[in-house]
C-alpha atoms as a PDB file:
ATOM      1  CA  UNK A   1     -33.170  -6.598  17.555  1.00  0.00           C
ATOM      2  CA  UNK A   2     -32.149  -7.839  14.137  1.00  0.00           C
ATOM      3  CA  UNK A   3     -30.036 -10.649  15.610  1.00  0.00           C
ATOM      4  CA  UNK A   4     -32.824 -11.690  17.977  1.00  0.00           C
ATOM      5  CA  UNK A   5     -35.334 -11.789  15.107  1.00  0.00           C
ATOM      6  CA  UNK A   6     -32.895 -13.839  13.015  1.00  0.00           C
ATOM      7  CA  UNK A   7     -32.407 -16.540  15.667  1.00  0.00           C
ATOM      8  CA  UNK A   8     -35.890 -17.976  15.239  1.00  0.00           C
ATOM      9  CA  UNK A   9     -37.718 -16.447  12.273  1.00  0.00           C
ATOM     10  CA  UNK A  10     -40.865 -18.440  13.131  1.00  0.00           C
ATOM     11  CA  UNK A  11     -41.056 -16.757  16.571  1.00  0.00           C
ATOM     12  CA  UNK A  12     -42.726 -13.389  17.048  1.00  0.00           C
ATOM     13  CA  UNK A  13     -40.609 -10.640  18.568  1.00  0.00           C
ATOM     14  CA  UNK A  14     -42.113  -7.602  20.249  1.00  0.00           C
ATOM     15  CA  UNK A  15     -40.050  -4.482  21.047  1.00  0.00           C
ATOM     16  CA  UNK A  16     -41.913  -3.126  24.092  1.00  0.00           C
ATOM     17  CA  UNK A  17     -41.749   0.134  26.066  1.00  0.00           C
ATOM     18  CA  UNK A  18     -38.421   1.504  24.913  1.00  0.00           C
ATOM     19  CA  UNK A  19     -37.497   5.107  25.643  1.00  0.00           C
ATOM     20  CA  UNK A  20     -38.095   7.312  22.578  1.00  0.00           C
ATOM     21  CA  UNK A  21     -34.297   7.761  22.270  1.00  0.00           C
ATOM     22  CA  UNK A  22     -34.068   4.027  21.508  1.00  0.00           C
ATOM     23  CA  UNK A  23     -35.612   4.374  18.047  1.00  0.00           C
ATOM     24  CA  UNK A  24     -32.854   5.262  15.595  1.00  0.00           C
ATOM     25  CA  UNK A  25     -33.737   4.669  11.951  1.00  0.00           C
ATOM     26  CA  UNK A  26     -31.804   1.378  12.050  1.00  0.00           C
ATOM     27  CA  UNK A  27     -34.256  -0.045  14.611  1.00  0.00           C
ATOM     28  CA  UNK A  28     -37.259   1.158  12.607  1.00  0.00           C
ATOM     29  CA  UNK A  29     -35.750  -0.429   9.486  1.00  0.00           C
ATOM     30  CA  UNK A  30     -35.381  -3.792  11.275  1.00  0.00           C
ATOM     31  CA  UNK A  31     -38.997  -3.642  12.472  1.00  0.00           C
ATOM     32  CA  UNK A  32     -40.150  -2.837   8.934  1.00  0.00           C
ATOM     33  CA  UNK A  33     -37.976  -5.513   7.300  1.00  0.00           C
ATOM     34  CA  UNK A  34     -38.358  -8.485   9.637  1.00  0.00           C
ATOM     35  CA  UNK A  35     -41.748 -10.204   9.272  1.00  0.00           C
ATOM     36  CA  UNK A  36     -41.503 -11.751  12.742  1.00  0.00           C
ATOM     37  CA  UNK A  37     -41.006  -8.409  14.522  1.00  0.00           C
ATOM     38  CA  UNK A  38     -44.444  -7.162  15.582  1.00  0.00           C
ATOM     39  CA  UNK A  39     -45.662  -4.029  13.869  1.00  0.00           C
ATOM     40  CA  UNK A  40     -46.988  -2.677  17.140  1.00  0.00           C
ATOM     41  CA  UNK A  41     -44.923  -0.304  19.261  1.00  0.00           C
ATOM     42  CA  UNK A  42     -45.631   0.777  22.807  1.00  0.00           C
ATOM     43  CA  UNK A  43     -43.915   4.141  23.049  1.00  0.00           C
ATOM     44  CA  UNK A  44     -44.378   5.870  26.399  1.00  0.00           C
ATOM     45  CA  UNK A  45     -45.183   9.552  25.883  1.00  0.00           C
ATOM     46  CA  UNK A  46     -45.810  10.356  29.556  1.00  0.00           C
ATOM     47  CA  UNK A  47     -47.030  13.876  28.663  1.00  0.00           C
ATOM     48  CA  UNK A  48     -47.911  15.942  25.602  1.00  0.00           C
ATOM     49  CA  UNK A  49     -46.291  19.079  26.984  1.00  0.00           C
ATOM     50  CA  UNK A  50     -42.577  19.878  26.704  1.00  0.00           C
ATOM     51  CA  UNK A  51     -42.407  21.787  29.997  1.00  0.00           C
ATOM     52  CA  UNK A  52     -43.991  18.883  31.857  1.00  0.00           C
ATOM     53  CA  UNK A  53     -41.655  16.423  30.121  1.00  0.00           C
ATOM     54  CA  UNK A  54     -38.705  18.558  31.256  1.00  0.00           C
ATOM     55  CA  UNK A  55     -40.039  18.539  34.825  1.00  0.00           C
ATOM     56  CA  UNK A  56     -40.330  14.748  34.600  1.00  0.00           C
ATOM     57  CA  UNK A  57     -36.716  14.609  33.365  1.00  0.00           C
ATOM     58  CA  UNK A  58     -37.837  12.486  30.423  1.00  0.00           C
ATOM     59  CA  UNK A  59     -35.061  13.688  28.115  1.00  0.00           C
ATOM     60  CA  UNK A  60     -37.197  14.483  25.069  1.00  0.00           C
ATOM     61  CA  UNK A  61     -39.613  17.158  23.888  1.00  0.00           C
ATOM     62  CA  UNK A  62     -43.149  16.956  22.546  1.00  0.00           C
ATOM     63  CA  UNK A  63     -41.786  17.953  19.129  1.00  0.00           C
ATOM     64  CA  UNK A  64     -39.135  15.209  19.128  1.00  0.00           C
ATOM     65  CA  UNK A  65     -41.765  12.626  20.092  1.00  0.00           C
ATOM     66  CA  UNK A  66     -44.113  13.747  17.301  1.00  0.00           C
ATOM     67  CA  UNK A  67     -41.190  13.626  14.853  1.00  0.00           C
ATOM     68  CA  UNK A  68     -40.535  10.041  15.943  1.00  0.00           C
ATOM     69  CA  UNK A  69     -44.195   9.137  15.352  1.00  0.00           C
ATOM     70  CA  UNK A  70     -43.937  10.632  11.842  1.00  0.00           C
ATOM     71  CA  UNK A  71     -40.790   8.537  11.175  1.00  0.00           C
ATOM     72  CA  UNK A  72     -42.555   5.378  12.397  1.00  0.00           C
ATOM     73  CA  UNK A  73     -45.538   6.055  10.132  1.00  0.00           C
ATOM     74  CA  UNK A  74     -43.265   6.676   7.134  1.00  0.00           C
ATOM     75  CA  UNK A  75     -41.050   3.613   7.656  1.00  0.00           C
ATOM     76  CA  UNK A  76     -43.633   1.135   8.993  1.00  0.00           C
ATOM     77  CA  UNK A  77     -47.002   1.860   7.338  1.00  0.00           C
ATOM     78  CA  UNK A  78     -49.891   0.454   9.354  1.00  0.00           C
ATOM     79  CA  UNK A  79     -47.815   0.092  12.515  1.00  0.00           C
ATOM     80  CA  UNK A  80     -49.970   0.220  15.644  1.00  0.00           C
ATOM     81  CA  UNK A  81     -48.758   2.661  18.288  1.00  0.00           C
ATOM     82  CA  UNK A  82     -49.791   2.507  21.932  1.00  0.00           C
ATOM     83  CA  UNK A  83     -48.685   4.735  24.803  1.00  0.00           C
ATOM     84  CA  UNK A  84     -49.222   5.705  28.392  1.00  0.00           C
ATOM     85  CA  UNK A  85     -49.853   9.208  29.678  1.00  0.00           C
ATOM     86  CA  UNK A  86     -49.405  10.605  33.177  1.00  0.00           C
ATOM     87  CA  UNK A  87     -51.979  13.265  34.064  1.00  0.00           C
ATOM     88  CA  UNK A  88     -51.826  15.511  37.067  1.00  0.00           C
ATOM     89  CA  UNK A  89     -48.023  15.503  37.349  1.00  0.00           C
ATOM     90  CA  UNK A  90     -46.740  17.816  40.110  1.00  0.00           C
ATOM     91  CA  UNK A  91     -46.946  21.414  38.879  1.00  0.00           C
ATOM     92  CA  UNK A  92     -48.775  20.516  35.678  1.00  0.00           C
ATOM     93  CA  UNK A  93     -51.508  23.004  34.848  1.00  0.00           C
ATOM     94  CA  UNK A  94     -54.975  22.140  33.616  1.00  0.00           C
ATOM     95  CA  UNK A  95     -54.038  23.633  30.222  1.00  0.00           C
ATOM     96  CA  UNK A  96     -50.906  21.480  29.927  1.00  0.00           C
END
Protein backbone atom coordinates (compact mmCIF):
# COMPACT_ATOMS: atom_id res chain seq x y z
CA UNK A 1 0.00 0.00 0.00
CA UNK A 2 2.84 2.35 0.84
CA UNK A 3 4.59 1.67 -2.48
CA UNK A 4 1.37 2.16 -4.44
CA UNK A 5 0.70 5.48 -2.68
CA UNK A 6 4.28 6.59 -3.37
CA UNK A 7 4.07 5.96 -7.13
CA UNK A 8 1.74 8.88 -7.77
CA UNK A 9 1.27 11.05 -4.68
CA UNK A 10 -1.27 13.22 -6.53
CA UNK A 11 -3.54 10.18 -7.09
CA UNK A 12 -6.02 9.03 -4.46
CA UNK A 13 -5.69 5.46 -3.25
CA UNK A 14 -8.53 3.60 -1.59
CA UNK A 15 -7.99 0.34 0.33
CA UNK A 16 -11.37 -1.37 -0.13
CA UNK A 17 -13.02 -4.44 1.40
CA UNK A 18 -10.03 -6.20 2.90
CA UNK A 19 -10.52 -9.04 5.35
CA UNK A 20 -10.08 -7.82 8.95
CA UNK A 21 -6.87 -9.91 9.17
CA UNK A 22 -5.37 -7.61 6.53
CA UNK A 23 -5.05 -4.66 8.91
CA UNK A 24 -1.77 -4.99 10.80
CA UNK A 25 -0.58 -1.79 12.45
CA UNK A 26 1.82 -1.21 9.54
CA UNK A 27 -1.12 -0.84 7.13
CA UNK A 28 -2.96 1.50 9.51
CA UNK A 29 0.23 3.56 9.85
CA UNK A 30 0.51 3.91 6.05
CA UNK A 31 -3.13 5.01 5.80
CA UNK A 32 -2.56 7.56 8.57
CA UNK A 33 0.73 8.84 7.12
CA UNK A 34 0.02 9.04 3.39
CA UNK A 35 -2.20 12.01 2.48
CA UNK A 36 -3.30 10.38 -0.78
CA UNK A 37 -4.60 7.20 0.90
CA UNK A 38 -8.31 7.73 1.62
CA UNK A 39 -9.28 7.91 5.26
CA UNK A 40 -12.33 5.76 4.62
CA UNK A 41 -12.24 2.01 5.18
CA UNK A 42 -14.84 -0.51 4.11
CA UNK A 43 -14.37 -3.33 6.58
CA UNK A 44 -16.83 -6.19 6.13
CA UNK A 45 -18.18 -7.31 9.51
CA UNK A 46 -20.70 -9.82 8.13
CA UNK A 47 -22.18 -10.38 11.63
CA UNK A 48 -21.94 -8.94 15.13
CA UNK A 49 -22.05 -12.35 16.78
CA UNK A 50 -19.02 -14.60 17.27
CA UNK A 51 -20.97 -17.86 16.95
CA UNK A 52 -22.46 -16.73 13.65
CA UNK A 53 -19.04 -15.58 12.43
CA UNK A 54 -17.67 -19.04 13.28
CA UNK A 55 -20.53 -20.66 11.35
CA UNK A 56 -19.70 -18.40 8.40
CA UNK A 57 -16.05 -19.48 8.68
CA UNK A 58 -15.01 -15.83 8.71
CA UNK A 59 -11.87 -16.43 10.77
CA UNK A 60 -12.36 -13.66 13.33
CA UNK A 61 -14.48 -12.94 16.40
CA UNK A 62 -16.72 -10.03 17.29
CA UNK A 63 -14.17 -9.02 19.93
CA UNK A 64 -11.26 -9.05 17.46
CA UNK A 65 -13.27 -6.92 15.02
CA UNK A 66 -14.15 -4.38 17.73
CA UNK A 67 -10.49 -4.28 18.77
CA UNK A 68 -9.57 -3.51 15.16
CA UNK A 69 -12.11 -0.66 15.07
CA UNK A 70 -10.55 0.75 18.26
CA UNK A 71 -7.07 0.56 16.66
CA UNK A 72 -8.34 2.34 13.53
CA UNK A 73 -9.90 5.11 15.62
CA UNK A 74 -6.69 5.54 17.64
CA UNK A 75 -4.32 5.57 14.65
CA UNK A 76 -6.51 7.37 12.08
CA UNK A 77 -8.69 9.92 13.90
CA UNK A 78 -11.74 10.88 11.85
CA UNK A 79 -11.46 7.85 9.58
CA UNK A 80 -14.82 6.88 8.09
CA UNK A 81 -15.71 3.21 8.48
CA UNK A 82 -18.32 1.44 6.38
CA UNK A 83 -19.36 -2.21 6.47
CA UNK A 84 -21.81 -4.79 5.28
CA UNK A 85 -23.85 -7.11 7.47
CA UNK A 86 -25.54 -10.39 6.58
CA UNK A 87 -28.79 -10.95 8.48
CA UNK A 88 -30.70 -14.18 8.60
CA UNK A 89 -27.66 -16.43 8.11
CA UNK A 90 -28.52 -20.15 8.32
CA UNK A 91 -29.00 -21.08 11.99
CA UNK A 92 -28.74 -17.50 13.22
CA UNK A 93 -31.24 -16.75 15.96
CA UNK A 94 -33.32 -13.60 16.25
CA UNK A 95 -31.26 -12.63 19.32
CA UNK A 96 -27.95 -13.03 17.46
